[in-house]
Amino acid sequence: MSAIDPLTLAVIQAGLQQVCNEMDIAFSRSAFSPVIAEADDRSDGIYDRTTGALIAQGEYGLPVFVGTMQHSTGELIRLIREGQAGAPEPGDVYIVNDPYLGGTHLMDVRFARPIFVDGELFCWLQNTGHWPDIGGSVPGGFSAHATEVEQEGLRLPPVKLFKRGEMDREIFAIICSNIRVADQRIGDIKAQAAALAVGESRLGDLLAKYGRATLDRAIVEIRARSAERMRAEIRGIPDGTYRSEAFVDSDGVVDEPLRIALTLTKADDTLTFDFAGSSPPCRGPMNSVWATTLSSVYLAVKHVFPDVPINAGTFAPLIVHRPEGTFLDARYPRPVSGCAAEVSQRIAEAVFLALVQAIPDRVTAAPAGTSGNFALGGFDPERNAPFVMYQITGGGYGGNAHHDGLSNGCSTIGISKTAPVEVMEQYYPVLFRRFALREGSGGAGAHRGGFGVHYEVELLRGEARASFVMDHGRFGPPGVRGGADGAPNVVRIHRGGETLTPLHLSKDQNIAIRAGDRVEIMTPGGGGYGDPAQRDPSLVERDMARGYYRPDEAERLWGRRG
């Protein structure tokens, strides 16, 4: 292949990124569900026609999908090659949510569209959107007590929902017959398909300007340059072996912690990740499929080296041994609803805790590490209609060598944000009695952790069922280099004059809620970084002036009143 001049290469790289960004924006702006339209729980990307390898991904999409969508595109290509999925034609859109085929949990539904140039397949476009319900035993799909994947909802292999541009009404009817509030799904489906159509149009503009051959050469070069950039970053890490561990509260069924054991080896320009010694497959829904485990490592490393452009080359220097025989390599029929939103963040936490030993100036203490998955499903008598509300929340990020952690930051795995309370109150029969920072929840340190969120939501009318799949309720996010742990997650249900706490602290399901009952959530604060005694007294005084700590709290945590 002839070389491409650097200016043209940079323009093409930015153009591919812009295609993905426009898909992200189109998806959110046209979706019906607040979790997509407001919280941006979705992602879009471009993938290699023969391997499914990532070419580009939108900047506004969830990082956890960077590995899973690459993996699922590869699985789709394999199934087509083996005759288990129909051959692609122009205008086709495949739908799939099977977690064992490169996915996450069942609620993350993926659409894939083949892109043709002069009758030949050029690439794949794919996106993922979190549907607020996919059926299963509880509204919202987060069944904390599930023991097999069928209890979590409808599982779809790759099938053509759109054939040559026309939606297959029979497949659509099957989907709608197996999910709650089905009449709203057509809006999300059309938004998801429309985003891919926008991508095809914008990619067509690039192809028209530069031609297929030039884009093919550019993609190869961009991938090679990203791989070299990542290798250069890795060379700056001292050679050695670094060990860490992180813990999941429980699997939702057996009230015992699950251990993630990581041995990270750095040699020359590669990082090798070995999770041997982690807990075996669990009964409850906290198993992680291989694609999610792999993606969790990728996103954690990208957190540490954010300037390396994202594509398949970025992750070429990362060797991840498949953790067979552990709960980080789920096989059918293990339940997996907690893998993408929760276990993935414990995996990332283990990576951070290993790397902070090697490059302490570049890695934070542990972040909140939970998406705060809260689903409330019931019937609204005023609207005479059922509803499923899905809520995600932020938490504190860990302190680092340079400053305190971010408060109310998004989850480690994404850029998704909490939908505005005004929007949630408009859509659902609820009232948010409180939504505030959880003051004092960050772990003490030379640089303290950021604060979590404290909110309280009341059901105004009708009846509903509440379900939770969260984490860090048993253990707070760990501090590092002498810093204290952040405050753990807290769930309380205020019902009929009584206050209930789930047995598994951060996980429960099907809790009956009546009008006037309230659900209270306090998300974790980030871990502290460094010896608290070394904190700048002016920062302690500032935090007290802002009301984050009382004088007695400051004296207990930092040994002085500021």
Protein backbone atom coordinates (compact mmCIF):
# COMPACT_ATOMS: atom_id res chain seq x y z
CA MET A 1 0.00 0.00 0.00
CA SER A 2 1.26 3.49 -0.85
CA ALA A 3 1.68 5.90 2.04
CA ILE A 4 -0.99 8.49 2.77
CA ASP A 5 0.18 12.01 3.53
CA PRO A 6 -0.28 12.96 7.20
CA LEU A 7 -2.79 15.73 6.52
CA THR A 8 -5.11 13.48 4.54
CA LEU A 9 -4.74 10.78 7.18
CA ALA A 10 -5.71 13.21 9.95
CA VAL A 11 -8.74 14.44 8.02
CA ILE A 12 -9.95 10.89 7.34
CA GLN A 13 -9.43 9.89 10.98
CA ALA A 14 -11.43 12.90 12.15
CA GLY A 15 -14.06 12.17 9.51
CA LEU A 16 -14.55 8.59 10.70
CA GLN A 17 -14.87 9.86 14.27
CA GLN A 18 -17.42 12.45 13.17
CA VAL A 19 -19.52 9.75 11.46
CA CYS A 20 -19.77 7.96 14.81
CA ASN A 21 -20.44 11.16 16.75
CA GLU A 22 -23.33 12.05 14.46
CA MET A 23 -24.79 8.59 14.91
CA ASP A 24 -24.60 9.06 18.69
CA ILE A 25 -26.37 12.41 18.51
CA ALA A 26 -29.05 11.21 16.10
CA PHE A 27 -29.75 8.21 18.33
CA SER A 28 -30.23 10.24 21.50
CA ARG A 29 -32.23 13.03 19.88
CA SER A 30 -34.78 10.68 18.34
CA ALA A 31 -35.11 8.00 21.07
CA PHE A 32 -38.26 7.79 23.23
CA SER A 33 -36.78 6.32 26.42
CA PRO A 34 -35.18 8.78 28.89
CA VAL A 35 -32.35 6.31 29.54
CA ILE A 36 -31.24 6.84 25.93
CA ALA A 37 -32.58 10.31 25.11
CA GLU A 38 -31.43 11.93 28.38
CA ALA A 39 -28.94 9.56 30.00
CA ASP A 40 -27.12 8.64 26.73
CA ASP A 41 -26.90 4.94 27.58
CA ARG A 42 -25.90 4.00 24.03
CA SER A 43 -22.98 3.86 21.62
CA ASP A 44 -22.21 3.76 17.88
CA GLY A 45 -19.23 2.57 15.88
CA ILE A 46 -17.66 1.42 12.59
CA TYR A 47 -16.27 -2.11 12.29
CA ASP A 48 -14.09 -4.12 9.90
CA ARG A 49 -15.94 -6.08 7.23
CA THR A 50 -14.04 -9.35 7.69
CA THR A 51 -13.04 -9.45 11.38
CA GLY A 52 -15.37 -7.00 13.13
CA ALA A 53 -12.36 -5.11 14.50
CA LEU A 54 -13.10 -1.59 15.71
CA ILE A 55 -12.37 1.18 13.22
CA ALA A 56 -13.90 4.13 15.09
CA GLN A 57 -16.35 4.72 17.94
CA GLY A 58 -18.36 7.79 18.90
CA GLU A 59 -16.96 10.07 21.58
CA TYR A 60 -20.42 10.35 23.13
CA GLY A 61 -20.96 6.62 23.63
CA LEU A 62 -20.33 4.28 26.54
CA PRO A 63 -16.70 3.07 26.66
CA VAL A 64 -17.74 -0.37 27.93
CA PHE A 65 -19.21 -1.06 24.51
CA VAL A 66 -15.83 -0.55 22.81
CA GLY A 67 -14.89 -4.20 23.24
CA THR A 68 -18.32 -5.77 23.25
CA MET A 69 -19.48 -4.26 19.96
CA GLN A 70 -16.21 -5.27 18.32
CA HIS A 71 -16.69 -8.78 19.66
CA SER A 72 -20.35 -9.01 18.67
CA THR A 73 -19.64 -7.82 15.12
CA GLY A 74 -17.06 -10.58 14.84
CA GLU A 75 -19.59 -13.11 16.11
CA LEU A 76 -22.18 -11.89 13.60
CA ILE A 77 -19.66 -12.29 10.77
CA ARG A 78 -18.86 -15.82 11.98
CA LEU A 79 -22.53 -16.82 12.15
CA ILE A 80 -23.13 -15.48 8.64
CA ARG A 81 -20.11 -17.41 7.36
CA GLU A 82 -21.41 -20.60 9.03
CA GLY A 83 -24.92 -20.12 7.63
CA GLN A 84 -26.51 -19.52 11.05
CA ALA A 85 -27.50 -15.96 10.13
CA GLY A 86 -28.75 -14.64 6.83
CA ALA A 87 -26.28 -13.16 4.34
CA PRO A 88 -26.22 -9.34 4.38
CA GLU A 89 -27.89 -7.21 1.73
CA PRO A 90 -28.11 -3.42 1.34
CA GLY A 91 -30.63 -1.94 3.78
CA ASP A 92 -30.53 -4.89 6.19
CA VAL A 93 -30.33 -4.28 9.94
CA TYR A 94 -29.64 -7.17 12.29
CA ILE A 95 -30.82 -7.12 15.91
CA VAL A 96 -29.07 -9.13 18.64
CA ASN A 97 -28.81 -8.99 22.42
CA ASP A 98 -27.45 -12.47 23.22
CA PRO A 99 -24.81 -11.77 25.90
CA TYR A 100 -22.84 -14.90 24.98
CA LEU A 101 -22.34 -13.57 21.43
CA GLY A 102 -20.18 -10.62 22.34
CA GLY A 103 -22.73 -8.80 24.46
CA THR A 104 -23.33 -7.44 27.92
CA HIS A 105 -26.74 -7.90 29.56
CA LEU A 106 -30.01 -8.49 27.72
CA MET A 107 -31.17 -4.87 28.05
CA ASP A 108 -28.30 -3.69 25.81
CA VAL A 109 -29.75 -4.31 22.35
CA ARG A 110 -27.40 -4.10 19.36
CA PHE A 111 -28.25 -3.20 15.76
CA ALA A 112 -25.80 -3.93 12.93
CA ARG A 113 -25.99 -2.60 9.37
CA PRO A 114 -23.76 -3.74 6.49
CA ILE A 115 -22.37 -0.94 4.30
CA PHE A 116 -21.82 -1.71 0.63
CA VAL A 117 -19.74 0.12 -1.98
CA ASP A 118 -20.30 -0.80 -5.63
CA GLY A 119 -22.02 -4.00 -4.56
CA GLU A 120 -19.23 -5.12 -2.22
CA LEU A 121 -19.26 -5.08 1.57
CA PHE A 122 -17.07 -2.24 2.86
CA CYS A 123 -17.67 -2.27 6.64
CA TRP A 124 -20.27 -2.70 9.37
CA LEU A 125 -21.99 -0.03 11.40
CA GLN A 126 -23.25 -1.08 14.81
CA ASN A 127 -24.92 0.58 17.75
CA THR A 128 -26.13 -0.43 21.18
CA GLY A 129 -28.99 1.06 23.14
CA HIS A 130 -30.17 0.22 26.65
CA TRP A 131 -33.87 -0.66 26.44
CA PRO A 132 -35.65 0.08 29.74
CA ASP A 133 -37.27 -3.36 29.67
CA ILE A 134 -36.63 -6.63 27.85
CA GLY A 135 -39.13 -8.83 29.67
CA GLY A 136 -38.05 -11.30 32.32
CA SER A 137 -39.16 -11.77 35.89
CA VAL A 138 -38.92 -8.13 37.03
CA PRO A 139 -39.61 -4.77 35.37
CA GLY A 140 -36.41 -3.33 33.94
CA GLY A 141 -34.60 -6.66 33.57
CA PHE A 142 -32.37 -6.29 36.65
CA SER A 143 -33.40 -9.46 38.42
CA ALA A 144 -31.17 -9.56 41.50
CA HIS A 145 -32.13 -13.16 42.28
CA ALA A 146 -32.03 -14.68 38.77
CA THR A 147 -30.32 -18.06 38.52
CA GLU A 148 -30.56 -18.49 34.73
CA VAL A 149 -30.55 -16.06 31.84
CA GLU A 150 -34.13 -16.85 30.78
CA GLN A 151 -35.35 -15.18 33.98
CA GLU A 152 -33.69 -11.95 32.85
CA GLY A 153 -35.67 -11.45 29.65
CA LEU A 154 -35.93 -12.11 25.92
CA ARG A 155 -32.67 -13.35 24.34
CA LEU A 156 -32.26 -12.65 20.63
CA PRO A 157 -29.71 -14.24 18.29
CA PRO A 158 -28.73 -12.16 15.24
CA VAL A 159 -31.84 -11.84 13.06
CA LYS A 160 -32.76 -9.29 10.40
CA LEU A 161 -35.24 -6.86 11.94
CA PHE A 162 -34.99 -4.77 8.77
CA LYS A 163 -34.73 -6.52 5.40
CA ARG A 164 -33.63 -4.32 2.52
CA GLY A 165 -34.89 -1.29 4.42
CA GLU A 166 -38.28 -2.67 5.52
CA MET A 167 -38.99 -3.71 9.10
CA ASP A 168 -40.04 -7.33 9.55
CA ARG A 169 -43.39 -6.95 11.30
CA GLU A 170 -43.46 -10.57 12.48
CA ILE A 171 -40.13 -10.30 14.31
CA PHE A 172 -41.20 -6.94 15.73
CA ALA A 173 -44.42 -8.55 17.00
CA ILE A 174 -42.46 -11.31 18.72
CA ILE A 175 -40.29 -8.73 20.49
CA CYS A 176 -43.24 -6.60 21.57
CA SER A 177 -45.10 -9.64 22.88
CA ASN A 178 -42.27 -10.37 25.31
CA ILE A 179 -41.51 -6.97 26.82
CA ARG A 180 -43.33 -4.47 29.03
CA VAL A 181 -44.58 -1.10 27.78
CA ALA A 182 -44.09 -2.42 24.26
CA ASP A 183 -45.85 0.50 22.56
CA GLN A 184 -42.88 2.75 23.40
CA ARG A 185 -40.27 0.47 21.85
CA ILE A 186 -41.09 1.45 18.28
CA GLY A 187 -39.66 4.90 19.03
CA ASP A 188 -36.37 3.48 20.28
CA ILE A 189 -36.18 0.96 17.42
CA LYS A 190 -36.69 3.64 14.79
CA ALA A 191 -34.17 5.89 16.53
CA GLN A 192 -31.59 3.11 16.62
CA ALA A 193 -32.12 2.29 12.94
CA ALA A 194 -32.13 5.98 12.00
CA ALA A 195 -28.74 6.49 13.66
CA LEU A 196 -27.28 3.78 11.44
CA ALA A 197 -28.88 5.40 8.38
CA VAL A 198 -27.23 8.70 9.34
CA GLY A 199 -23.93 6.86 9.65
CA GLU A 200 -24.31 5.30 6.22
CA SER A 201 -25.01 8.71 4.70
CA ARG A 202 -22.05 10.44 6.37
CA LEU A 203 -19.72 7.55 5.58
CA GLY A 204 -20.90 7.74 1.98
CA ASP A 205 -19.74 11.37 1.86
CA LEU A 206 -16.25 10.30 3.00
CA LEU A 207 -16.15 7.50 0.45
CA ALA A 208 -17.26 9.82 -2.32
CA LYS A 209 -14.47 12.26 -1.47
CA TYR A 210 -11.56 9.86 -0.94
CA GLY A 211 -12.57 6.53 -2.47
CA ARG A 212 -12.67 3.06 -1.01
CA ALA A 213 -9.00 2.26 -1.62
CA THR A 214 -7.78 5.39 0.18
CA LEU A 215 -10.07 4.78 3.16
CA ASP A 216 -8.90 1.18 3.39
CA ARG A 217 -5.26 2.31 3.47
CA ALA A 218 -6.04 5.01 6.00
CA ILE A 219 -7.82 2.57 8.34
CA VAL A 220 -4.79 0.26 8.33
CA GLU A 221 -2.43 3.16 9.05
CA ILE A 222 -4.63 4.64 11.80
CA ARG A 223 -4.79 1.28 13.53
CA ALA A 224 -1.00 0.83 13.34
CA ARG A 225 -0.38 4.31 14.74
CA SER A 226 -2.75 3.76 17.67
CA ALA A 227 -1.00 0.49 18.50
CA GLU A 228 2.36 2.25 18.52
CA ARG A 229 1.00 5.11 20.64
CA MET A 230 -0.24 2.62 23.23
CA ARG A 231 3.05 0.71 23.17
CA ALA A 232 4.90 3.97 23.77
CA GLU A 233 2.72 4.67 26.83
CA ILE A 234 3.26 1.16 28.16
CA ARG A 235 7.04 1.48 27.81
CA GLY A 236 6.85 4.23 30.44
CA ILE A 237 5.54 1.74 33.04
CA PRO A 238 8.28 0.00 35.07
CA ASP A 239 8.68 -3.67 34.16
CA GLY A 240 7.30 -5.98 36.80
CA THR A 241 4.36 -7.92 38.14
CA TYR A 242 1.60 -6.12 40.01
CA ARG A 243 -1.21 -7.82 41.92
CA SER A 244 -4.54 -6.53 43.11
CA GLU A 245 -7.99 -7.69 44.08
CA ALA A 246 -11.48 -6.25 44.06
CA PHE A 247 -14.71 -7.58 45.54
CA VAL A 248 -18.32 -7.71 44.37
CA ASP A 249 -20.73 -7.45 47.35
CA SER A 250 -22.54 -10.68 46.47
CA ASP A 251 -24.17 -12.35 43.49
CA GLY A 252 -27.68 -11.47 44.71
CA VAL A 253 -28.46 -15.10 45.60
CA VAL A 254 -25.62 -16.25 47.87
CA ASP A 255 -24.73 -13.57 50.41
CA GLU A 256 -20.97 -13.87 50.06
CA PRO A 257 -18.45 -11.60 48.31
CA LEU A 258 -17.06 -12.50 44.89
CA ARG A 259 -13.30 -12.00 44.46
CA ILE A 260 -11.61 -10.61 41.38
CA ALA A 261 -7.92 -11.49 41.51
CA LEU A 262 -5.62 -9.78 39.00
CA THR A 263 -1.99 -10.42 38.18
CA LEU A 264 -0.78 -7.72 35.80
CA THR A 265 2.60 -8.19 34.14
CA LYS A 266 4.37 -5.42 32.29
CA ALA A 267 7.21 -6.42 29.96
CA ASP A 268 8.69 -4.04 27.38
CA ASP A 269 5.69 -2.69 25.44
CA THR A 270 2.92 -5.09 26.47
CA LEU A 271 0.60 -5.53 29.44
CA THR A 272 -0.66 -9.00 30.32
CA PHE A 273 -3.75 -9.46 32.49
CA ASP A 274 -4.42 -12.74 34.29
CA PHE A 275 -7.55 -13.18 36.42
CA ALA A 276 -6.79 -16.74 37.54
CA GLY A 277 -7.80 -17.17 41.18
CA SER A 278 -11.01 -15.17 40.84
CA SER A 279 -14.21 -16.67 42.25
CA PRO A 280 -15.89 -19.50 40.32
CA PRO A 281 -19.13 -18.97 38.36
CA CYS A 282 -21.86 -17.73 40.68
CA ARG A 283 -25.55 -18.63 40.97
CA GLY A 284 -26.83 -15.07 40.73
CA PRO A 285 -26.68 -12.45 37.97
CA MET A 286 -23.16 -11.11 38.64
CA ASN A 287 -21.43 -13.35 36.12
CA SER A 288 -19.57 -11.51 33.36
CA VAL A 289 -19.45 -12.73 29.77
CA TRP A 290 -16.02 -12.83 28.13
CA ALA A 291 -16.67 -9.83 25.86
CA THR A 292 -17.58 -7.64 28.84
CA THR A 293 -14.56 -8.80 30.84
CA LEU A 294 -12.29 -8.00 27.90
CA SER A 295 -13.93 -4.62 27.35
CA SER A 296 -13.58 -3.77 31.05
CA VAL A 297 -9.81 -4.14 30.81
CA TYR A 298 -9.74 -2.04 27.65
CA LEU A 299 -11.73 0.83 29.14
CA ALA A 300 -9.68 0.81 32.36
CA VAL A 301 -6.42 1.17 30.43
CA LYS A 302 -8.01 3.88 28.26
CA HIS A 303 -8.89 5.78 31.47
CA VAL A 304 -5.18 5.84 32.29
CA PHE A 305 -4.04 6.74 28.76
CA PRO A 306 -6.89 8.88 27.41
CA ASP A 307 -4.94 10.48 24.57
CA VAL A 308 -4.54 7.27 22.54
CA PRO A 309 -7.21 7.26 19.79
CA ILE A 310 -9.72 4.40 20.06
CA ASN A 311 -9.66 1.60 17.50
CA ALA A 312 -8.62 -2.05 17.43
CA GLY A 313 -4.94 -1.07 17.36
CA THR A 314 -5.26 0.68 20.71
CA PHE A 315 -5.73 -2.64 22.45
CA ALA A 316 -3.26 -4.75 20.44
CA PRO A 317 -0.56 -4.43 23.18
CA LEU A 318 -3.01 -5.68 25.85
CA ILE A 319 -2.96 -9.44 26.37
CA VAL A 320 -5.89 -10.70 28.44
CA HIS A 321 -5.94 -14.39 29.36
CA ARG A 322 -9.45 -15.78 29.20
CA PRO A 323 -10.43 -16.50 32.83
CA GLU A 324 -12.04 -19.89 32.24
CA GLY A 325 -13.67 -21.47 35.26
CA THR A 326 -14.37 -18.12 36.94
CA PHE A 327 -17.40 -15.85 37.14
CA LEU A 328 -15.59 -13.54 34.68
CA ASP A 329 -16.18 -15.97 31.81
CA ALA A 330 -19.92 -16.67 31.93
CA ARG A 331 -21.29 -19.46 29.77
CA TYR A 332 -24.94 -20.22 29.02
CA PRO A 333 -27.22 -20.36 31.02
CA ARG A 334 -25.51 -18.27 33.72
CA PRO A 335 -27.45 -15.04 34.51
CA VAL A 336 -25.56 -11.87 33.63
CA SER A 337 -27.71 -8.79 34.24
CA GLY A 338 -25.08 -7.26 36.55
CA CYS A 339 -22.07 -7.84 34.33
CA ALA A 340 -21.98 -4.67 32.24
CA ALA A 341 -23.07 -2.14 34.83
CA GLU A 342 -21.42 -3.57 37.96
CA VAL A 343 -18.89 -6.41 37.52
CA SER A 344 -17.20 -4.51 34.71
CA GLN A 345 -16.47 -1.70 37.16
CA ARG A 346 -14.96 -4.10 39.70
CA ILE A 347 -12.70 -5.42 36.92
CA ALA A 348 -11.66 -1.86 36.05
CA GLU A 349 -11.09 -1.20 39.76
CA ALA A 350 -8.71 -4.16 39.95
CA VAL A 351 -6.80 -2.74 36.97
CA PHE A 352 -6.56 0.69 38.63
CA LEU A 353 -5.39 -0.83 41.93
CA ALA A 354 -2.64 -2.73 40.10
CA LEU A 355 -1.47 0.15 37.92
CA VAL A 356 -1.41 2.69 40.76
CA GLN A 357 1.43 0.64 42.24
CA ALA A 358 3.46 1.13 39.06
CA ILE A 359 2.51 4.65 37.95
CA PRO A 360 1.03 6.37 41.01
CA ASP A 361 1.09 9.83 39.39
CA ARG A 362 -1.26 8.71 36.60
CA VAL A 363 -3.87 6.56 38.35
CA THR A 364 -6.63 7.52 40.78
CA ALA A 365 -7.90 5.77 43.86
CA ALA A 366 -11.01 3.66 43.27
CA PRO A 367 -14.12 5.45 41.97
CA ALA A 368 -17.69 4.76 43.14
CA GLY A 369 -17.81 1.86 40.72
CA THR A 370 -21.56 1.31 40.45
CA SER A 371 -24.18 2.48 37.97
CA GLY A 372 -26.80 2.48 40.73
CA ASN A 373 -29.27 0.44 38.70
CA PHE A 374 -32.74 1.08 40.10
CA ALA A 375 -35.85 -0.06 38.24
CA LEU A 376 -39.41 0.77 39.26
CA GLY A 377 -42.23 -0.83 37.35
CA GLY A 378 -45.97 -0.59 37.95
CA PHE A 379 -49.28 0.87 36.82
CA ASP A 380 -50.16 4.56 36.72
CA PRO A 381 -53.92 4.92 37.37
CA GLU A 382 -53.95 8.56 36.23
CA ARG A 383 -52.67 7.64 32.77
CA ASN A 384 -54.29 4.22 32.82
CA ALA A 385 -51.04 2.72 31.60
CA PRO A 386 -48.15 0.60 32.85
CA PHE A 387 -44.68 2.11 33.23
CA VAL A 388 -41.07 1.00 33.73
CA MET A 389 -38.69 3.61 35.14
CA TYR A 390 -34.96 2.94 35.01
CA GLN A 391 -32.63 5.17 37.01
CA ILE A 392 -28.84 5.40 36.95
CA THR A 393 -26.79 7.66 39.18
CA GLY A 394 -23.28 8.98 39.54
CA GLY A 395 -20.84 8.70 42.42
CA GLY A 396 -17.51 9.97 43.64
CA TYR A 397 -14.26 9.45 41.77
CA GLY A 398 -11.07 8.62 43.61
CA GLY A 399 -8.54 11.23 44.59
CA ASN A 400 -5.25 11.29 42.69
CA ALA A 401 -1.75 12.67 42.99
CA HIS A 402 -2.82 16.13 41.85
CA HIS A 403 -6.30 16.91 43.18
CA ASP A 404 -9.46 15.66 44.89
CA GLY A 405 -11.78 13.28 43.12
CA LEU A 406 -14.73 14.39 41.00
CA SER A 407 -18.11 14.46 42.75
CA ASN A 408 -21.19 12.95 41.11
CA GLY A 409 -19.12 11.59 38.24
CA CYS A 410 -20.58 9.12 35.76
CA SER A 411 -19.90 5.43 36.18
CA THR A 412 -16.44 4.13 35.31
CA ILE A 413 -17.78 2.34 32.24
CA GLY A 414 -19.46 5.22 30.46
CA ILE A 415 -20.41 8.78 29.87
CA SER A 416 -24.06 8.15 30.68
CA LYS A 417 -25.63 10.57 33.12
CA THR A 418 -28.65 10.66 35.39
CA ALA A 419 -31.74 11.81 33.53
CA PRO A 420 -33.02 15.18 34.85
CA VAL A 421 -35.45 14.67 37.71
CA GLU A 422 -37.93 16.97 35.96
CA VAL A 423 -38.00 14.60 32.99
CA MET A 424 -38.44 11.55 35.20
CA GLU A 425 -41.29 13.22 37.09
CA GLN A 426 -42.95 14.08 33.80
CA TYR A 427 -42.76 10.53 32.47
CA TYR A 428 -43.49 8.57 35.64
CA PRO A 429 -45.77 8.87 38.74
CA VAL A 430 -42.90 9.81 41.08
CA LEU A 431 -41.61 12.81 42.98
CA PHE A 432 -37.95 13.28 43.90
CA ARG A 433 -38.00 14.45 47.50
CA ARG A 434 -34.22 14.89 47.55
CA PHE A 435 -31.40 14.97 45.03
CA ALA A 436 -28.12 16.26 46.46
CA LEU A 437 -24.46 15.53 46.97
CA ARG A 438 -23.77 12.95 49.64
CA GLU A 439 -21.56 15.23 51.67
CA GLY A 440 -18.60 13.67 53.44
CA SER A 441 -18.76 10.40 51.47
CA GLY A 442 -15.32 10.74 49.83
CA GLY A 443 -12.50 8.82 51.46
CA ALA A 444 -10.05 10.94 53.45
CA GLY A 445 -6.60 11.47 51.99
CA ALA A 446 -4.03 14.04 50.99
CA HIS A 447 -6.49 14.35 48.15
CA ARG A 448 -9.91 13.12 49.23
CA GLY A 449 -12.34 11.18 47.12
CA GLY A 450 -15.25 12.88 45.41
CA PHE A 451 -18.77 12.72 46.83
CA GLY A 452 -21.58 10.44 45.83
CA VAL A 453 -25.25 11.32 45.41
CA HIS A 454 -28.09 11.18 47.94
CA TYR A 455 -31.58 11.00 46.48
CA GLU A 456 -35.05 10.01 47.62
CA VAL A 457 -37.94 9.22 45.27
CA GLU A 458 -41.59 8.82 46.28
CA LEU A 459 -44.30 6.93 44.41
CA LEU A 460 -47.22 9.33 44.03
CA ARG A 461 -49.99 6.98 42.92
CA GLY A 462 -50.74 3.40 42.07
CA GLU A 463 -48.56 0.43 42.96
CA ALA A 464 -45.12 -0.60 41.76
CA ARG A 465 -42.27 -3.04 42.28
CA ALA A 466 -38.72 -1.87 42.94
CA SER A 467 -35.56 -3.77 41.98
CA PHE A 468 -31.89 -2.95 42.54
CA VAL A 469 -28.64 -4.28 41.10
CA MET A 470 -25.90 -2.08 42.54
CA ASP A 471 -22.57 -2.68 44.24
CA HIS A 472 -20.05 -1.36 46.77
CA GLY A 473 -22.63 -1.72 49.52
CA ARG A 474 -20.51 -4.12 51.57
CA PHE A 475 -17.13 -2.51 50.83
CA GLY A 476 -16.51 1.15 50.02
CA PRO A 477 -14.25 2.08 47.07
CA PRO A 478 -10.66 1.47 48.25
CA GLY A 479 -8.30 4.30 49.00
CA VAL A 480 -4.67 4.05 47.90
CA ARG A 481 -1.24 5.11 49.18
CA GLY A 482 -2.60 5.61 52.69
CA GLY A 483 -5.96 7.09 51.71
CA ALA A 484 -9.21 5.94 53.33
CA ASP A 485 -12.00 4.07 51.58
CA GLY A 486 -15.00 5.96 50.26
CA ALA A 487 -18.41 5.52 51.90
CA PRO A 488 -20.29 2.41 50.70
CA ASN A 489 -23.57 2.36 48.80
CA VAL A 490 -26.76 2.54 50.90
CA VAL A 491 -30.30 1.49 49.89
CA ARG A 492 -33.31 2.13 52.13
CA ILE A 493 -37.01 1.56 51.47
CA HIS A 494 -39.36 3.66 53.58
CA ARG A 495 -42.66 1.80 53.52
CA GLY A 496 -45.68 2.10 55.78
CA GLY A 497 -43.74 3.79 58.57
CA GLU A 498 -40.93 1.21 58.48
CA THR A 499 -37.44 1.43 56.97
CA LEU A 500 -36.13 -1.66 55.20
CA THR A 501 -32.60 -2.46 54.04
CA PRO A 502 -32.03 -5.24 51.47
CA LEU A 503 -30.44 -8.40 52.82
CA HIS A 504 -27.77 -8.16 50.14
CA LEU A 505 -27.36 -4.43 50.86
CA SER A 506 -27.06 -3.35 47.22
CA LYS A 507 -29.27 -5.95 45.50
CA ASP A 508 -32.93 -6.94 45.75
CA GLN A 509 -35.99 -7.30 43.57
CA ASN A 510 -39.78 -7.15 43.46
CA ILE A 511 -40.14 -4.95 46.55
CA ALA A 512 -43.78 -3.85 46.71
CA ILE A 513 -44.16 -0.06 46.73
CA ARG A 514 -47.42 1.83 47.32
CA ALA A 515 -48.33 5.49 46.98
CA GLY A 516 -46.47 7.47 49.63
CA ASP A 517 -43.62 4.95 49.98
CA ARG A 518 -40.11 6.20 49.31
CA VAL A 519 -36.86 4.71 48.02
CA GLU A 520 -33.67 6.31 49.35
CA ILE A 521 -30.29 5.80 47.70
CA MET A 522 -26.85 7.02 48.75
CA THR A 523 -24.17 6.26 46.17
CA PRO A 524 -20.52 5.63 47.12
CA GLY A 525 -17.85 8.28 47.46
CA GLY A 526 -14.45 7.80 45.84
CA GLY A 527 -11.41 6.46 47.64
CA GLY A 528 -8.86 8.80 49.15
CA TYR A 529 -5.33 9.22 47.79
CA GLY A 530 -2.35 9.62 50.09
CA ASP A 531 -1.92 10.12 53.83
CA PRO A 532 -4.78 12.26 55.22
CA ALA A 533 -2.29 13.95 57.55
CA GLN A 534 -0.61 15.46 54.48
CA ARG A 535 -3.74 17.29 53.31
CA ASP A 536 -3.36 21.02 52.77
CA PRO A 537 -5.07 22.71 55.78
CA SER A 538 -6.62 25.30 53.47
CA LEU A 539 -8.47 22.52 51.63
CA VAL A 540 -9.85 21.19 54.92
CA GLU A 541 -11.00 24.70 55.80
CA ARG A 542 -12.56 25.14 52.36
CA ASP A 543 -14.52 21.89 52.68
CA MET A 544 -15.85 22.92 56.10
CA ALA A 545 -16.85 26.35 54.78
CA ARG A 546 -18.82 24.65 52.03
CA GLY A 547 -20.60 22.46 54.56
CA TYR A 548 -19.06 19.19 53.38
CA TYR A 549 -17.74 18.38 56.87
CA ARG A 550 -18.46 19.53 60.40
CA PRO A 551 -15.44 20.61 62.47
CA ASP A 552 -15.57 17.41 64.52
CA GLU A 553 -15.60 15.32 61.32
CA ALA A 554 -12.62 17.24 59.92
CA GLU A 555 -10.72 16.71 63.18
CA ARG A 556 -11.48 12.98 63.13
CA LEU A 557 -10.52 12.52 59.47
CA TRP A 558 -7.55 14.86 59.14
CA GLY A 559 -6.48 15.40 62.74
CA ARG A 560 -7.12 19.12 62.70
CA ARG A 561 -9.90 21.65 62.34
CA GLY A 562 -8.44 23.51 59.37
